[in-house]
N, C-alpha and C. Protein backbone atom coordinates (compact mmCIF):
# COMPACT_ATOMS: atom_id res chain seq x y z
N MET A 1 -28.67 -3.57 -57.55
CA MET A 1 -29.42 -3.17 -58.08
C MET A 1 -30.22 -1.87 -57.85
N GLY A 2 -31.01 -1.91 -56.57
CA GLY A 2 -31.32 -0.41 -56.17
C GLY A 2 -30.17 0.77 -56.33
N ALA A 3 -28.87 0.55 -56.01
CA ALA A 3 -27.98 1.28 -55.76
C ALA A 3 -27.82 1.99 -57.38
N GLU A 4 -27.95 1.16 -57.85
CA GLU A 4 -27.04 1.41 -59.30
C GLU A 4 -28.32 2.49 -59.88
N ARG A 5 -30.29 2.05 -59.67
CA ARG A 5 -31.04 3.12 -60.12
C ARG A 5 -30.90 4.56 -59.29
N LYS A 6 -30.53 5.74 -60.55
CA LYS A 6 -31.15 6.92 -60.10
C LYS A 6 -32.75 7.32 -60.05
N SER A 7 -32.97 7.92 -58.77
CA SER A 7 -33.99 8.71 -58.58
C SER A 7 -34.43 9.76 -59.62
N ASN A 8 -35.16 10.44 -60.34
CA ASN A 8 -35.87 11.62 -60.88
C ASN A 8 -36.59 12.28 -60.12
N VAL A 9 -36.62 12.13 -58.60
CA VAL A 9 -37.70 12.51 -57.94
C VAL A 9 -37.17 13.56 -57.36
N SER A 10 -38.20 14.86 -57.41
CA SER A 10 -38.05 15.85 -57.21
C SER A 10 -38.90 16.50 -55.65
N LYS A 11 -38.13 17.01 -54.82
CA LYS A 11 -38.64 17.31 -53.50
C LYS A 11 -40.21 18.61 -53.83
N ILE A 12 -40.89 18.07 -52.87
CA ILE A 12 -41.98 19.11 -53.18
C ILE A 12 -41.97 19.92 -52.02
N GLN A 13 -41.73 21.46 -52.75
CA GLN A 13 -41.82 22.49 -51.95
C GLN A 13 -42.96 23.52 -50.79
N THR A 14 -43.34 22.87 -50.28
CA THR A 14 -44.41 23.13 -49.76
C THR A 14 -44.32 23.72 -48.63
N SER A 15 -45.07 24.55 -48.08
CA SER A 15 -44.89 25.20 -46.49
C SER A 15 -44.64 23.75 -45.08
N TYR A 16 -45.92 22.83 -45.35
CA TYR A 16 -44.93 21.97 -44.45
C TYR A 16 -44.10 20.94 -44.53
N VAL A 17 -43.40 20.86 -45.83
CA VAL A 17 -41.78 20.65 -45.97
C VAL A 17 -40.85 21.53 -45.19
N GLN A 18 -41.21 22.56 -45.26
CA GLN A 18 -40.10 23.55 -45.12
C GLN A 18 -39.93 23.21 -43.49
N GLN A 19 -41.12 23.21 -42.71
CA GLN A 19 -41.47 23.57 -41.65
C GLN A 19 -40.93 22.41 -41.17
N LYS A 20 -40.79 20.98 -41.44
CA LYS A 20 -40.66 19.75 -41.17
C LYS A 20 -39.05 19.97 -41.34
N GLU A 21 -37.90 20.44 -42.11
CA GLU A 21 -36.59 20.57 -42.46
C GLU A 21 -36.58 21.63 -41.72
N TYR A 22 -37.10 22.72 -40.81
CA TYR A 22 -36.64 23.43 -40.13
C TYR A 22 -36.40 22.91 -38.66
N ALA A 23 -37.67 22.10 -38.19
CA ALA A 23 -37.60 21.24 -37.58
C ALA A 23 -37.22 20.24 -36.89
N GLU A 24 -36.47 19.64 -38.15
CA GLU A 24 -34.96 18.64 -37.77
C GLU A 24 -34.11 19.37 -37.63
N ILE A 25 -33.69 20.57 -38.31
CA ILE A 25 -32.39 21.57 -38.06
C ILE A 25 -32.47 21.85 -36.81
N ALA A 26 -33.64 22.64 -36.32
CA ALA A 26 -33.54 22.77 -34.73
C ALA A 26 -33.50 21.99 -33.96
N SER A 27 -33.79 21.01 -34.23
CA SER A 27 -33.44 19.68 -33.68
C SER A 27 -32.06 19.32 -33.29
N ALA A 28 -31.82 19.14 -34.56
CA ALA A 28 -30.49 18.86 -34.26
C ALA A 28 -29.50 19.68 -33.56
N ARG A 29 -29.95 21.19 -33.70
CA ARG A 29 -29.13 22.16 -33.30
C ARG A 29 -29.52 22.19 -31.66
N LYS A 30 -30.44 21.67 -31.04
CA LYS A 30 -30.95 21.50 -29.75
C LYS A 30 -29.84 20.17 -29.40
N LYS A 31 -29.80 19.31 -30.13
CA LYS A 31 -28.97 17.88 -29.77
C LYS A 31 -27.61 18.26 -29.39
N LYS A 32 -27.38 19.36 -30.50
CA LYS A 32 -25.59 19.53 -30.10
C LYS A 32 -25.43 20.30 -29.05
N LEU A 33 -26.53 21.35 -28.74
CA LEU A 33 -26.65 22.39 -27.54
C LEU A 33 -26.45 21.30 -26.56
N LEU A 34 -27.55 20.30 -25.99
CA LEU A 34 -27.85 19.53 -25.27
C LEU A 34 -26.62 18.83 -24.91
N ALA A 35 -25.73 18.59 -25.75
CA ALA A 35 -24.51 17.73 -25.56
C ALA A 35 -23.65 18.46 -24.93
N ARG A 36 -23.19 19.77 -25.69
CA ARG A 36 -22.57 20.50 -25.48
C ARG A 36 -22.71 21.03 -23.64
N ARG A 37 -24.14 21.21 -23.49
CA ARG A 37 -23.95 21.94 -22.13
C ARG A 37 -23.78 20.76 -21.25
N LEU A 38 -24.18 19.05 -21.72
CA LEU A 38 -23.68 18.39 -20.91
C LEU A 38 -22.88 17.95 -20.32
N SER A 39 -21.35 17.92 -21.59
CA SER A 39 -20.89 17.75 -21.52
C SER A 39 -19.83 18.86 -20.42
N VAL A 40 -20.14 19.84 -20.86
CA VAL A 40 -19.58 20.93 -19.90
C VAL A 40 -19.62 20.96 -18.33
N PHE A 41 -21.23 20.49 -18.36
CA PHE A 41 -21.36 20.35 -16.62
C PHE A 41 -20.65 19.10 -16.25
N PHE A 42 -20.69 17.73 -16.98
CA PHE A 42 -19.68 17.05 -16.74
C PHE A 42 -18.61 17.20 -16.19
N VAL A 43 -17.53 18.22 -17.11
CA VAL A 43 -16.37 18.63 -16.66
C VAL A 43 -16.28 19.31 -15.37
N PHE A 44 -17.53 20.17 -15.21
CA PHE A 44 -17.55 20.94 -13.95
C PHE A 44 -18.13 19.75 -12.39
N ALA A 45 -18.59 18.82 -12.83
CA ALA A 45 -19.04 18.27 -11.79
C ALA A 45 -17.75 17.16 -11.77
N CYS A 46 -17.18 16.76 -12.57
CA CYS A 46 -15.53 16.44 -12.39
C CYS A 46 -14.75 17.24 -11.57
N ILE A 47 -14.31 18.05 -11.84
CA ILE A 47 -13.62 19.17 -11.17
C ILE A 47 -13.91 19.25 -9.79
N ILE A 48 -15.11 19.54 -9.59
CA ILE A 48 -16.00 20.02 -7.98
C ILE A 48 -15.72 18.74 -7.20
N SER A 49 -16.01 17.21 -8.03
CA SER A 49 -15.65 16.27 -7.22
C SER A 49 -14.31 15.80 -6.81
N TYR A 50 -13.83 16.38 -7.73
CA TYR A 50 -12.06 15.88 -7.44
C TYR A 50 -11.82 16.76 -5.72
N PHE A 51 -12.08 18.47 -6.05
CA PHE A 51 -11.74 19.12 -5.20
C PHE A 51 -12.26 18.49 -4.00
N MET A 52 -14.03 17.81 -4.10
CA MET A 52 -14.35 17.57 -2.76
C MET A 52 -13.66 16.21 -2.54
N ILE A 53 -13.39 15.46 -3.42
CA ILE A 53 -12.67 14.04 -2.75
C ILE A 53 -11.18 14.53 -1.98
N SER A 54 -10.40 15.71 -2.84
CA SER A 54 -9.37 15.61 -2.14
C SER A 54 -9.04 16.80 -0.91
N SER A 55 -10.38 16.93 -1.09
CA SER A 55 -10.28 17.99 0.95
C SER A 55 -10.83 16.86 1.62
N TYR A 56 -11.68 16.21 1.46
CA TYR A 56 -12.01 14.88 2.12
C TYR A 56 -10.90 13.95 2.74
N LEU A 57 -9.82 13.51 1.80
CA LEU A 57 -8.73 12.93 1.80
C LEU A 57 -7.78 13.77 3.02
N SER A 58 -7.73 14.77 2.83
CA SER A 58 -6.78 15.99 3.49
C SER A 58 -7.22 16.12 4.91
N GLN A 59 -8.40 16.38 5.24
CA GLN A 59 -9.06 16.00 6.45
C GLN A 59 -9.12 14.63 7.19
N THR A 60 -9.19 13.94 6.74
CA THR A 60 -9.15 12.71 7.36
C THR A 60 -7.77 12.02 7.62
N LYS A 61 -6.88 12.80 7.01
CA LYS A 61 -5.69 12.56 7.27
C LYS A 61 -5.14 13.11 8.28
N THR A 62 -5.76 14.59 8.29
CA THR A 62 -5.53 15.38 9.54
C THR A 62 -5.95 15.09 10.66
N MET A 63 -7.21 14.15 10.62
CA MET A 63 -8.08 13.73 11.53
C MET A 63 -7.14 12.86 12.32
N GLU A 64 -7.12 11.69 11.55
CA GLU A 64 -6.08 10.78 11.75
C GLU A 64 -4.43 11.16 12.90
N ALA A 65 -3.74 12.27 12.27
CA ALA A 65 -2.74 12.89 12.68
C ALA A 65 -3.57 13.42 14.25
N GLN A 66 -4.17 13.80 14.20
CA GLN A 66 -4.88 14.58 15.56
C GLN A 66 -5.15 13.18 16.32
N LEU A 67 -5.59 12.57 16.13
CA LEU A 67 -6.29 11.29 16.86
C LEU A 67 -5.49 10.90 17.92
N THR A 68 -4.65 10.45 16.86
CA THR A 68 -2.87 9.75 17.17
C THR A 68 -2.16 10.91 18.04
N GLN A 69 -2.09 12.29 17.64
CA GLN A 69 -1.40 12.82 18.44
C GLN A 69 -2.20 13.17 20.15
N LYS A 70 -3.44 12.65 19.98
CA LYS A 70 -4.59 13.33 21.37
C LYS A 70 -4.12 11.75 22.04
N LYS A 71 -3.97 10.31 21.58
CA LYS A 71 -3.63 9.24 22.27
C LYS A 71 -2.30 9.45 23.17
N LYS A 72 -1.01 9.80 22.20
CA LYS A 72 -0.28 10.16 22.63
C LYS A 72 -0.33 10.93 24.11
N LEU A 73 -0.38 12.51 23.78
CA LEU A 73 -0.78 13.38 24.90
C LEU A 73 -2.19 12.57 26.36
N GLU A 74 -3.05 11.69 26.04
CA GLU A 74 -3.31 11.17 26.96
C GLU A 74 -2.91 10.30 27.88
N ASN A 75 -2.02 9.46 26.97
CA ASN A 75 -0.95 8.38 27.77
C ASN A 75 -0.05 9.22 28.76
N GLU A 76 0.47 10.83 28.08
CA GLU A 76 1.45 11.52 28.85
C GLU A 76 0.82 11.77 29.86
N LEU A 77 -0.50 12.47 29.84
CA LEU A 77 -1.29 12.90 30.95
C LEU A 77 -1.14 12.02 32.06
N LYS A 78 -1.52 10.70 32.04
CA LYS A 78 -1.70 9.88 32.49
C LYS A 78 -0.37 9.41 33.87
N GLU A 79 0.72 9.11 32.77
CA GLU A 79 1.87 9.26 33.36
C GLU A 79 2.24 10.21 34.37
N LEU A 80 2.07 11.44 33.82
CA LEU A 80 2.34 12.64 34.62
C LEU A 80 1.16 12.68 36.01
N LYS A 81 -0.01 12.55 35.81
CA LYS A 81 -0.78 12.27 37.34
C LYS A 81 -0.38 10.70 38.30
N LYS A 82 0.29 9.81 37.26
CA LYS A 82 0.51 9.32 38.21
C LYS A 82 2.06 9.57 38.93
N GLU A 83 2.92 10.45 38.35
CA GLU A 83 4.16 11.15 39.05
C GLU A 83 3.72 11.90 39.93
N GLN A 84 2.47 12.84 39.74
CA GLN A 84 2.10 13.69 40.70
C GLN A 84 1.52 13.16 41.75
N ASP A 85 0.75 11.97 41.46
CA ASP A 85 0.55 11.14 42.81
C ASP A 85 1.62 10.51 43.60
N LEU A 86 2.62 10.29 42.84
CA LEU A 86 4.03 9.95 44.04
C LEU A 86 4.51 10.97 44.36
N LEU A 87 4.57 11.84 43.70
CA LEU A 87 5.34 13.36 44.56
C LEU A 87 4.63 13.67 45.56
N LYS A 88 3.48 13.52 45.42
CA LYS A 88 2.71 13.94 46.41
C LYS A 88 2.52 12.87 47.80
N GLU A 89 2.40 12.04 47.44
CA GLU A 89 2.82 11.02 48.66
C GLU A 89 4.10 11.37 49.28
N GLU A 90 5.22 11.65 48.74
CA GLU A 90 6.34 11.65 48.98
C GLU A 90 6.92 13.05 49.34
N ILE A 91 5.73 14.25 49.65
CA ILE A 91 5.63 15.36 50.37
C ILE A 91 5.13 15.00 51.67
N ILE A 92 4.37 13.85 51.81
CA ILE A 92 3.22 13.58 52.74
C ILE A 92 4.62 12.46 53.56
N LYS A 93 5.21 11.85 52.85
CA LYS A 93 6.70 11.67 53.97
C LYS A 93 7.52 12.35 54.24
N LEU A 94 7.85 13.33 53.52
CA LEU A 94 8.78 14.02 54.08
C LEU A 94 8.70 14.80 55.23
N ASN A 95 7.00 15.29 55.36
CA ASN A 95 6.96 15.77 56.44
C ASN A 95 7.09 15.12 57.82
N ASP A 96 6.86 13.46 57.62
CA ASP A 96 7.40 12.46 58.67
C ASP A 96 8.81 12.63 58.90
N ASP A 97 8.96 12.90 60.53
CA ASP A 97 10.30 12.84 60.60
C ASP A 97 11.04 11.70 61.08
N GLU A 98 10.39 11.00 61.20
CA GLU A 98 11.00 9.14 61.32
C GLU A 98 11.39 9.02 59.79
N TYR A 99 10.77 9.39 58.72
CA TYR A 99 10.91 8.48 57.85
C TYR A 99 12.04 9.62 56.71
N ILE A 100 12.23 10.61 57.28
CA ILE A 100 13.62 11.67 57.02
C ILE A 100 14.68 10.58 57.70
N ALA A 101 14.19 10.53 58.88
CA ALA A 101 15.50 9.96 59.36
C ALA A 101 16.19 8.77 58.75
N LYS A 102 15.28 7.59 58.63
CA LYS A 102 15.21 6.39 57.91
C LYS A 102 16.56 6.82 56.60
N LEU A 103 15.88 7.80 55.71
CA LEU A 103 16.13 7.73 54.43
C LEU A 103 17.40 8.85 54.70
N ALA A 104 17.68 9.62 55.35
CA ALA A 104 19.25 10.24 55.71
C ALA A 104 20.00 8.54 56.13
N ARG A 105 19.86 7.60 56.99
CA ARG A 105 20.64 6.37 57.29
C ARG A 105 21.02 5.59 55.82
N LYS A 106 19.49 5.30 55.14
CA LYS A 106 19.84 5.04 54.29
C LYS A 106 20.71 5.70 53.08
N GLU A 107 20.54 6.86 52.47
CA GLU A 107 21.54 7.00 51.76
C GLU A 107 22.56 7.76 51.68
N TYR A 108 22.55 8.71 53.37
CA TYR A 108 24.10 9.25 53.64
C TYR A 108 24.40 8.28 54.92
N PHE A 109 24.41 7.51 55.02
CA PHE A 109 25.01 6.52 55.57
C PHE A 109 25.02 7.35 57.55
N PHE A 110 23.74 7.76 57.99
CA PHE A 110 24.20 8.46 58.96
C PHE A 110 23.72 7.35 59.97
N SER A 111 23.81 7.93 61.53
CA SER A 111 23.38 6.51 62.26
C SER A 111 22.98 6.97 63.35
N ASP A 112 22.23 6.07 63.92
CA ASP A 112 21.43 6.65 65.51
C ASP A 112 22.85 6.55 66.81
N GLU A 113 22.54 6.89 67.68
CA GLU A 113 23.18 6.80 68.85
C GLU A 113 23.58 5.34 69.07
N ASN A 114 24.77 4.95 69.18
CA ASN A 114 24.86 3.64 69.40
C ASN A 114 24.97 2.30 68.43
N GLU A 115 24.68 3.14 66.88
CA GLU A 115 24.82 2.29 66.21
C GLU A 115 25.81 2.43 64.96
N ILE A 116 26.20 1.10 64.57
CA ILE A 116 27.57 0.81 64.06
C ILE A 116 27.30 0.73 62.59
N ILE A 117 27.79 1.24 61.84
CA ILE A 117 27.30 0.74 60.12
C ILE A 117 27.99 0.14 59.34
N PHE A 118 27.81 -1.06 58.77
CA PHE A 118 28.66 -1.99 57.89
C PHE A 118 28.21 -1.10 56.49
N ASN A 119 29.55 -1.69 55.36
CA ASN A 119 29.33 -1.10 54.40
C ASN A 119 29.18 -2.73 53.69
N ILE A 120 28.25 -3.33 53.20
CA ILE A 120 28.34 -5.17 52.49
C ILE A 120 28.51 -4.38 50.41
N PRO A 121 29.45 -4.93 50.19
CA PRO A 121 29.73 -4.62 48.98
C PRO A 121 28.75 -5.75 48.16
N GLU A 122 28.26 -4.96 47.18
CA GLU A 122 27.12 -5.92 46.16
C GLU A 122 27.78 -6.75 45.23
N GLU A 123 27.46 -8.19 45.45
CA GLU A 123 27.98 -9.02 44.94
C GLU A 123 27.37 -8.87 43.37
N LYS A 124 28.49 -9.34 42.21
CA LYS A 124 27.81 -9.22 41.12
C LYS A 124 26.80 -10.28 40.70
N LYS A 125 26.03 -9.75 39.66
CA LYS A 125 24.84 -10.49 39.00
C LYS A 125 25.15 -11.61 38.40
N GLU A 126 26.08 -11.34 37.78
CA GLU A 126 26.64 -12.63 37.22
C GLU A 126 27.18 -14.25 38.35
N MET A 127 27.50 -13.82 39.20
CA MET A 127 27.59 -15.09 40.39
C MET A 127 26.78 -15.33 41.27
N LYS A 128 25.33 -14.54 41.03
CA LYS A 128 23.94 -14.81 41.59
C LYS A 128 23.41 -15.26 40.72
N GLU A 129 23.45 -15.43 39.48
CA GLU A 129 22.87 -15.95 38.51
C GLU A 129 23.22 -17.66 38.50
N LYS A 130 24.46 -17.67 38.85
CA LYS A 130 25.21 -19.13 38.31
C LYS A 130 25.13 -19.94 39.73
């Protein structure tokens, strides 16, 4: 019923009504502009967030690789220090004449006076295990 009736009411053309219409139009424009600005801001925020996150992830990956390399190099340094200590001990031993003589007898089969060297062949490991 209400939709079937047409009203023949006309608008009042006063300055107050015109101001209200202009205010509504301006408000609609402001809402559109606000929506556009917010959408542009959101797009820029997404782009900046993407670059920040990708930068963070790449830095994290690089940092993990460097930490792994650091651990590897620290282990290598420990091994080299042990080797250096052994070599220093070897230098000290090589300055001792008795050690050199013992080493020469062992490695090169040299003998002292009135000493006989017997070469005993080593048994196979399989025979020792049984």
